Amino acid sequence: MADVTKMECVHSTNPEWFSPGDIYDSEKRGPDICICGDNLVSDLNPEDWYEMSQRVDGLWFLTGFQQSVLFRAVRNNP
C-alpha cells in the first residue's frame, strides 16, 4: 500500500459522498493525489477513488467538482 494521508472533510455540498468532520484516506496514485469515498472498500473498488487538487490556501478539493467538497490534511501528533 502506498503512503496514506488522512484528510478531514471541512466542507461538502454532497454529504452523502463526503461528510464534514469525517476522516478519509488519500494517497498518490500514479501522477495524482486521490481520496477514497469509502475507506472500507478502497482497495476493492478503484472507482471509489477521486482525483484531488490543492488550493493556494492549502485546502484540497475534488477535481471536476467546482470545489463543492473541501479537505484539510490531518496532522499526526508525535
N, C-alpha and C. Protein backbone atom coordinates (compact mmCIF):
# COMPACT_ATOMS: atom_id res chain seq x y z
N MET A 1 0.85 -1.18 0.00
CA MET A 1 0.00 0.00 0.00
C MET A 1 0.89 1.24 0.00
N ALA A 2 0.50 2.25 -0.73
CA ALA A 2 1.24 3.50 -0.81
C ALA A 2 1.09 4.27 0.50
N ASP A 3 1.85 5.35 0.62
CA ASP A 3 1.72 6.21 1.80
C ASP A 3 0.34 6.83 1.82
N VAL A 4 -0.36 6.62 2.92
CA VAL A 4 -1.71 7.14 3.08
C VAL A 4 -1.66 8.40 3.93
N THR A 5 -2.34 9.45 3.48
CA THR A 5 -2.50 10.67 4.25
C THR A 5 -3.96 10.79 4.63
N LYS A 6 -4.20 11.03 5.91
CA LYS A 6 -5.57 11.22 6.38
C LYS A 6 -6.01 12.64 6.05
N MET A 7 -7.24 12.76 5.54
CA MET A 7 -7.82 14.06 5.19
C MET A 7 -9.15 14.22 5.90
N GLU A 8 -9.38 15.39 6.48
CA GLU A 8 -10.66 15.70 7.10
C GLU A 8 -11.50 16.51 6.13
N CYS A 9 -12.73 16.11 5.94
CA CYS A 9 -13.65 16.89 5.11
C CYS A 9 -14.06 18.12 5.91
N VAL A 10 -13.83 19.31 5.36
CA VAL A 10 -14.19 20.55 6.05
C VAL A 10 -15.40 21.25 5.44
N HIS A 11 -15.81 20.83 4.25
CA HIS A 11 -16.99 21.39 3.59
C HIS A 11 -17.47 20.40 2.53
N SER A 12 -18.78 20.24 2.44
CA SER A 12 -19.33 19.36 1.41
C SER A 12 -20.76 19.76 1.09
N THR A 13 -21.04 19.97 -0.19
CA THR A 13 -22.42 20.18 -0.63
C THR A 13 -23.09 18.85 -0.92
N ASN A 14 -22.32 17.74 -0.82
CA ASN A 14 -22.83 16.38 -1.04
C ASN A 14 -22.44 15.50 0.13
N PRO A 15 -23.07 15.69 1.32
CA PRO A 15 -22.65 14.91 2.49
C PRO A 15 -22.88 13.41 2.36
N GLU A 16 -23.71 12.99 1.39
CA GLU A 16 -23.85 11.55 1.18
C GLU A 16 -22.59 10.96 0.55
N TRP A 17 -21.76 11.79 -0.09
CA TRP A 17 -20.47 11.34 -0.64
C TRP A 17 -19.37 11.49 0.39
N PHE A 18 -19.22 12.72 0.91
CA PHE A 18 -18.19 13.06 1.89
C PHE A 18 -18.85 13.94 2.94
N SER A 19 -18.70 13.57 4.22
CA SER A 19 -19.37 14.28 5.32
C SER A 19 -18.38 15.15 6.07
N PRO A 20 -18.71 16.44 6.28
CA PRO A 20 -17.84 17.32 7.06
C PRO A 20 -17.54 16.72 8.44
N GLY A 21 -16.28 16.78 8.82
CA GLY A 21 -15.83 16.24 10.10
C GLY A 21 -15.32 14.81 10.01
N ASP A 22 -15.69 14.09 8.96
CA ASP A 22 -15.22 12.71 8.79
C ASP A 22 -13.81 12.69 8.20
N ILE A 23 -13.07 11.63 8.51
CA ILE A 23 -11.69 11.46 8.04
C ILE A 23 -11.67 10.42 6.93
N TYR A 24 -10.93 10.72 5.87
CA TYR A 24 -10.82 9.85 4.70
C TYR A 24 -9.36 9.62 4.36
N ASP A 25 -9.07 8.52 3.65
CA ASP A 25 -7.72 8.21 3.21
C ASP A 25 -7.45 8.86 1.86
N SER A 26 -6.25 9.43 1.72
CA SER A 26 -5.80 9.90 0.41
C SER A 26 -4.41 9.32 0.17
N GLU A 27 -4.08 9.14 -1.08
CA GLU A 27 -2.76 8.62 -1.43
C GLU A 27 -2.42 8.99 -2.86
N LYS A 28 -1.13 8.91 -3.16
CA LYS A 28 -0.66 9.16 -4.52
C LYS A 28 -0.97 7.92 -5.35
N ARG A 29 -1.64 8.11 -6.47
CA ARG A 29 -1.96 7.03 -7.40
C ARG A 29 -1.51 7.50 -8.78
N GLY A 30 -0.39 6.96 -9.23
CA GLY A 30 0.20 7.45 -10.47
C GLY A 30 0.64 8.88 -10.25
N PRO A 31 0.33 9.78 -11.18
CA PRO A 31 0.74 11.18 -11.01
C PRO A 31 -0.22 11.99 -10.15
N ASP A 32 -1.32 11.40 -9.69
CA ASP A 32 -2.37 12.14 -9.00
C ASP A 32 -2.43 11.82 -7.51
N ILE A 33 -2.94 12.79 -6.73
CA ILE A 33 -3.31 12.56 -5.35
C ILE A 33 -4.81 12.27 -5.38
N CYS A 34 -5.21 11.15 -4.79
CA CYS A 34 -6.61 10.74 -4.83
C CYS A 34 -7.12 10.50 -3.42
N ILE A 35 -8.43 10.61 -3.25
CA ILE A 35 -9.08 10.36 -1.97
C ILE A 35 -10.15 9.31 -2.16
N CYS A 36 -10.35 8.51 -1.14
CA CYS A 36 -11.32 7.43 -1.22
C CYS A 36 -12.62 7.83 -0.57
N GLY A 37 -13.73 7.62 -1.28
CA GLY A 37 -15.04 7.93 -0.75
C GLY A 37 -15.56 6.89 0.20
N ASP A 38 -14.98 5.70 0.21
CA ASP A 38 -15.41 4.63 1.10
C ASP A 38 -14.17 3.88 1.55
N ASN A 39 -13.64 4.23 2.72
CA ASN A 39 -12.38 3.65 3.18
C ASN A 39 -12.45 2.14 3.36
N LEU A 40 -13.63 1.57 3.56
CA LEU A 40 -13.73 0.14 3.80
C LEU A 40 -13.49 -0.69 2.55
N VAL A 41 -13.75 -0.13 1.38
CA VAL A 41 -13.60 -0.90 0.14
C VAL A 41 -12.60 -0.25 -0.81
N SER A 42 -11.73 0.60 -0.30
CA SER A 42 -10.84 1.37 -1.16
C SER A 42 -9.99 0.51 -2.08
N ASP A 43 -9.48 -0.62 -1.60
CA ASP A 43 -8.64 -1.47 -2.44
C ASP A 43 -9.47 -2.38 -3.34
N LEU A 44 -10.72 -2.59 -3.00
CA LEU A 44 -11.58 -3.47 -3.80
C LEU A 44 -12.29 -2.72 -4.93
N ASN A 45 -12.56 -1.44 -4.72
CA ASN A 45 -13.29 -0.62 -5.70
C ASN A 45 -12.46 0.57 -6.14
N PRO A 46 -11.62 0.43 -7.14
CA PRO A 46 -10.81 1.55 -7.60
C PRO A 46 -11.65 2.75 -8.03
N GLU A 47 -12.91 2.52 -8.43
CA GLU A 47 -13.77 3.61 -8.87
C GLU A 47 -14.12 4.56 -7.73
N ASP A 48 -13.95 4.14 -6.48
CA ASP A 48 -14.27 4.98 -5.34
C ASP A 48 -13.19 6.02 -5.05
N TRP A 49 -12.11 6.01 -5.82
CA TRP A 49 -11.04 6.98 -5.64
C TRP A 49 -11.27 8.18 -6.55
N TYR A 50 -11.11 9.40 -6.00
CA TYR A 50 -11.34 10.64 -6.74
C TYR A 50 -10.06 11.46 -6.76
N GLU A 51 -9.72 12.02 -7.93
CA GLU A 51 -8.54 12.88 -8.05
C GLU A 51 -8.77 14.19 -7.31
N MET A 52 -7.67 14.71 -6.73
CA MET A 52 -7.75 15.95 -5.97
C MET A 52 -6.72 16.95 -6.46
N SER A 53 -7.00 18.22 -6.20
CA SER A 53 -6.06 19.32 -6.45
C SER A 53 -5.99 20.16 -5.20
N GLN A 54 -4.88 20.90 -5.04
CA GLN A 54 -4.72 21.72 -3.85
C GLN A 54 -4.85 23.20 -4.18
N ARG A 55 -5.58 23.92 -3.32
CA ARG A 55 -5.73 25.37 -3.46
C ARG A 55 -4.52 26.07 -2.85
N VAL A 56 -4.39 27.36 -3.14
CA VAL A 56 -3.28 28.16 -2.62
C VAL A 56 -3.30 28.20 -1.09
N ASP A 57 -4.50 28.18 -0.49
CA ASP A 57 -4.60 28.23 0.98
C ASP A 57 -4.34 26.89 1.66
N GLY A 58 -4.01 25.85 0.89
CA GLY A 58 -3.66 24.56 1.45
C GLY A 58 -4.79 23.55 1.50
N LEU A 59 -6.03 23.99 1.31
CA LEU A 59 -7.14 23.04 1.27
C LEU A 59 -7.12 22.27 -0.03
N TRP A 60 -7.65 21.05 0.01
CA TRP A 60 -7.74 20.19 -1.16
C TRP A 60 -9.19 20.11 -1.61
N PHE A 61 -9.41 19.91 -2.91
CA PHE A 61 -10.75 19.76 -3.45
C PHE A 61 -10.77 18.66 -4.50
N LEU A 62 -11.96 18.12 -4.74
CA LEU A 62 -12.12 17.09 -5.75
C LEU A 62 -12.05 17.73 -7.13
N THR A 63 -11.15 17.26 -7.97
CA THR A 63 -11.00 17.79 -9.32
C THR A 63 -12.30 17.55 -10.10
N GLY A 64 -12.82 18.61 -10.72
CA GLY A 64 -14.02 18.49 -11.54
C GLY A 64 -15.32 18.72 -10.79
N PHE A 65 -15.26 19.00 -9.49
CA PHE A 65 -16.47 19.20 -8.71
C PHE A 65 -16.61 20.65 -8.22
N GLN A 66 -15.92 21.59 -8.86
CA GLN A 66 -16.04 23.03 -8.61
C GLN A 66 -15.92 23.38 -7.13
N GLN A 67 -15.01 22.72 -6.45
CA GLN A 67 -14.69 22.97 -5.04
C GLN A 67 -15.91 22.84 -4.12
N SER A 68 -16.83 21.93 -4.49
CA SER A 68 -18.00 21.70 -3.65
C SER A 68 -17.70 20.80 -2.46
N VAL A 69 -16.52 20.15 -2.47
CA VAL A 69 -16.07 19.32 -1.36
C VAL A 69 -14.63 19.72 -1.06
N LEU A 70 -14.36 20.11 0.19
CA LEU A 70 -13.03 20.58 0.58
C LEU A 70 -12.48 19.71 1.72
N PHE A 71 -11.15 19.52 1.69
CA PHE A 71 -10.47 18.69 2.68
C PHE A 71 -9.25 19.42 3.22
N ARG A 72 -8.85 19.03 4.44
CA ARG A 72 -7.62 19.52 5.05
C ARG A 72 -6.85 18.30 5.53
N ALA A 73 -5.54 18.30 5.28
CA ALA A 73 -4.71 17.19 5.74
C ALA A 73 -4.71 17.17 7.27
N VAL A 74 -4.81 15.98 7.83
CA VAL A 74 -4.79 15.79 9.28
C VAL A 74 -3.34 15.59 9.69
N ARG A 75 -2.89 16.40 10.62
CA ARG A 75 -1.50 16.29 11.09
C ARG A 75 -1.43 15.21 12.15
N ASN A 76 -0.41 14.38 12.03
CA ASN A 76 -0.19 13.31 13.02
C ASN A 76 0.51 13.91 14.22
N ASN A 77 0.04 13.58 15.42
CA ASN A 77 0.70 14.01 16.64
C ASN A 77 1.77 12.98 17.00
N PRO A 78 2.98 13.45 17.36
CA PRO A 78 4.06 12.50 17.71
C PRO A 78 3.76 11.75 18.99
